[in-house]
């Protein structure tokens, strides 16, 4: 039964057909790479011997973009990405929870916590490197 539940979750995350209201986790995960300040690639441990690589965007926060943005926003985006790298550095495992399907195919939304350091989204907000975000227009980071 447990292996069939893990297989079902794996299929939902892979297919992009999970219902938006459904959330999954918590799970332990390894950080594969930081994509930008609010998006990371993880290897999620679903079940002993069963892992799935996903891109996770932090739910509830938005950091400046590092690509396809004005140069001043890219600079701020690099600062946020560097903060995220430092926050995650040296953590053998992170905890990912409240996972749900994001609006872009292949990317999930969720919370990411580092044991002993806390919630990454909250840390980005506290450092002034992110804004709260719950959908809709994200606004400008720089006045040009």
Protein backbone atom coordinates (compact mmCIF):
# COMPACT_ATOMS: atom_id res chain seq x y z
CA UNK A 1 0.00 0.00 0.00
CA UNK A 2 2.74 2.48 0.93
CA UNK A 3 4.65 1.84 -2.26
CA UNK A 4 1.49 2.46 -4.27
CA UNK A 5 0.97 5.80 -2.45
CA UNK A 6 4.55 6.82 -3.23
CA UNK A 7 4.07 5.76 -6.85
CA UNK A 8 0.85 7.79 -7.05
CA UNK A 9 2.60 10.91 -5.71
CA UNK A 10 5.46 10.38 -8.11
CA UNK A 11 3.02 10.10 -11.00
CA UNK A 12 1.12 13.24 -9.94
CA UNK A 13 4.27 15.35 -9.62
CA UNK A 14 5.60 14.04 -12.93
CA UNK A 15 2.36 14.45 -14.84
CA UNK A 16 1.31 17.86 -13.58
CA UNK A 17 -2.26 16.65 -12.94
CA UNK A 18 -2.39 17.05 -9.15
CA UNK A 19 -5.22 19.20 -7.94
CA UNK A 20 -4.10 22.66 -6.85
CA UNK A 21 -5.78 22.26 -3.43
CA UNK A 22 -3.90 19.04 -2.62
CA UNK A 23 -0.62 19.37 -0.78
CA UNK A 24 2.04 16.78 -0.06
CA UNK A 25 4.89 16.37 2.38
CA UNK A 26 6.80 16.81 4.46
CA UNK A 27 9.68 15.03 2.77
CA UNK A 28 13.43 15.10 3.16
CA UNK A 29 15.30 16.29 0.09
CA UNK A 30 18.79 17.04 -1.18
CA UNK A 31 19.51 20.33 -2.92
CA UNK A 32 20.68 19.71 -6.48
CA UNK A 33 21.09 23.38 -7.45
CA UNK A 34 19.79 26.87 -6.83
CA UNK A 35 18.04 28.23 -9.91
CA UNK A 36 17.33 31.68 -8.48
CA UNK A 37 16.41 33.20 -5.13
CA UNK A 38 13.00 31.54 -4.91
CA UNK A 39 13.46 28.40 -7.03
CA UNK A 40 15.61 25.35 -6.34
CA UNK A 41 16.03 21.92 -7.85
CA UNK A 42 15.67 19.13 -5.30
CA UNK A 43 16.02 15.38 -5.14
CA UNK A 44 13.02 14.50 -2.97
CA UNK A 45 13.09 11.27 -0.94
CA UNK A 46 9.55 9.91 -1.36
CA UNK A 47 10.19 6.46 0.01
CA UNK A 48 13.34 4.43 0.84
CA UNK A 49 15.05 3.91 -2.49
CA UNK A 50 12.55 6.13 -4.34
CA UNK A 51 13.53 9.70 -5.17
CA UNK A 52 12.21 12.27 -7.63
CA UNK A 53 14.01 15.34 -8.93
CA UNK A 54 11.74 18.41 -8.95
CA UNK A 55 11.99 22.16 -9.37
CA UNK A 56 10.44 23.81 -6.33
CA UNK A 57 9.37 27.43 -6.24
CA UNK A 58 8.94 28.81 -2.75
CA UNK A 59 5.27 29.39 -1.99
CA UNK A 60 4.29 32.83 -0.73
CA UNK A 61 7.41 34.74 -1.78
CA UNK A 62 8.89 36.31 -4.88
CA UNK A 63 12.49 37.34 -5.44
CA UNK A 64 13.82 39.51 -8.27
CA UNK A 65 14.50 37.74 -11.55
CA UNK A 66 18.01 36.83 -12.65
CA UNK A 67 17.15 36.48 -16.38
CA UNK A 68 14.96 38.45 -18.78
CA UNK A 69 14.79 41.50 -16.53
CA UNK A 70 16.31 44.98 -16.37
CA UNK A 71 19.94 44.98 -15.22
CA UNK A 72 19.16 46.54 -11.83
CA UNK A 73 16.65 43.73 -11.13
CA UNK A 74 19.18 41.11 -12.24
CA UNK A 75 21.66 42.51 -9.69
CA UNK A 76 19.04 42.20 -6.93
CA UNK A 77 18.14 38.73 -8.20
CA UNK A 78 21.78 37.62 -7.97
CA UNK A 79 21.88 38.85 -4.35
CA UNK A 80 18.78 36.81 -3.54
CA UNK A 81 20.19 33.73 -5.30
CA UNK A 82 23.50 34.11 -3.41
CA UNK A 83 21.56 34.38 -0.13
CA UNK A 84 19.66 31.19 -0.99
CA UNK A 85 22.92 29.36 -1.82
CA UNK A 86 24.48 30.42 1.50
CA UNK A 87 21.31 29.52 3.44
CA UNK A 88 21.29 26.01 1.93
CA UNK A 89 25.07 25.48 1.97
CA UNK A 90 26.27 22.52 3.96
CA UNK A 91 22.79 21.16 4.69
CA UNK A 92 22.88 17.46 3.82
CA UNK A 93 19.08 17.33 3.84
CA UNK A 94 16.35 19.95 3.75
CA UNK A 95 12.68 19.54 4.59
CA UNK A 96 10.11 20.31 1.91
CA UNK A 97 6.41 20.54 2.77
CA UNK A 98 3.06 21.84 1.58
CA UNK A 99 4.00 20.79 -1.95
CA UNK A 100 1.42 21.51 -4.62
CA UNK A 101 1.33 21.91 -8.36
CA UNK A 102 2.62 25.23 -9.67
CA UNK A 103 1.19 27.07 -12.65
CA UNK A 104 4.18 26.20 -14.83
CA UNK A 105 4.60 22.62 -16.03
CA UNK A 106 7.32 20.72 -14.24
CA UNK A 107 7.52 23.07 -11.26
CA UNK A 108 5.98 22.58 -7.85
CA UNK A 109 5.25 25.13 -5.12
CA UNK A 110 6.09 24.50 -1.48
CA UNK A 111 7.93 25.43 1.68
CA UNK A 112 11.60 24.65 2.23
CA UNK A 113 13.14 24.44 5.67
CA UNK A 114 16.72 23.83 6.73
CA UNK A 115 17.02 22.12 10.13
CA UNK A 116 18.54 24.58 12.60
CA UNK A 117 18.17 27.53 10.21
CA UNK A 118 14.43 27.72 9.61
CA UNK A 119 12.23 28.51 6.64
CA UNK A 120 13.99 29.83 3.52
CA UNK A 121 11.04 31.98 2.39
CA UNK A 122 10.80 33.68 5.80
CA UNK A 123 14.57 34.26 5.82
CA UNK A 124 14.45 35.89 2.37
CA UNK A 125 11.61 38.17 3.51
CA UNK A 126 13.45 39.10 6.73
CA UNK A 127 16.59 39.93 4.72
CA UNK A 128 14.61 42.23 2.42
CA UNK A 129 15.43 40.06 -0.61
CA UNK A 130 11.86 38.89 -1.29
CA UNK A 131 8.30 40.15 -1.21
CA UNK A 132 5.19 38.29 -0.23
CA UNK A 133 3.53 36.85 -3.30
CA UNK A 134 0.25 34.99 -3.63
CA UNK A 135 -0.34 35.20 -7.39
CA UNK A 136 -1.16 37.97 -9.79
CA UNK A 137 1.04 40.86 -10.88
CA UNK A 138 4.42 40.87 -9.15
CA UNK A 139 5.36 44.51 -9.59
CA UNK A 140 8.69 46.08 -10.41
CA UNK A 141 11.79 45.78 -8.31
CA UNK A 142 13.53 48.81 -9.79
CA UNK A 143 12.38 52.21 -10.97
CA UNK A 144 13.82 52.82 -14.43
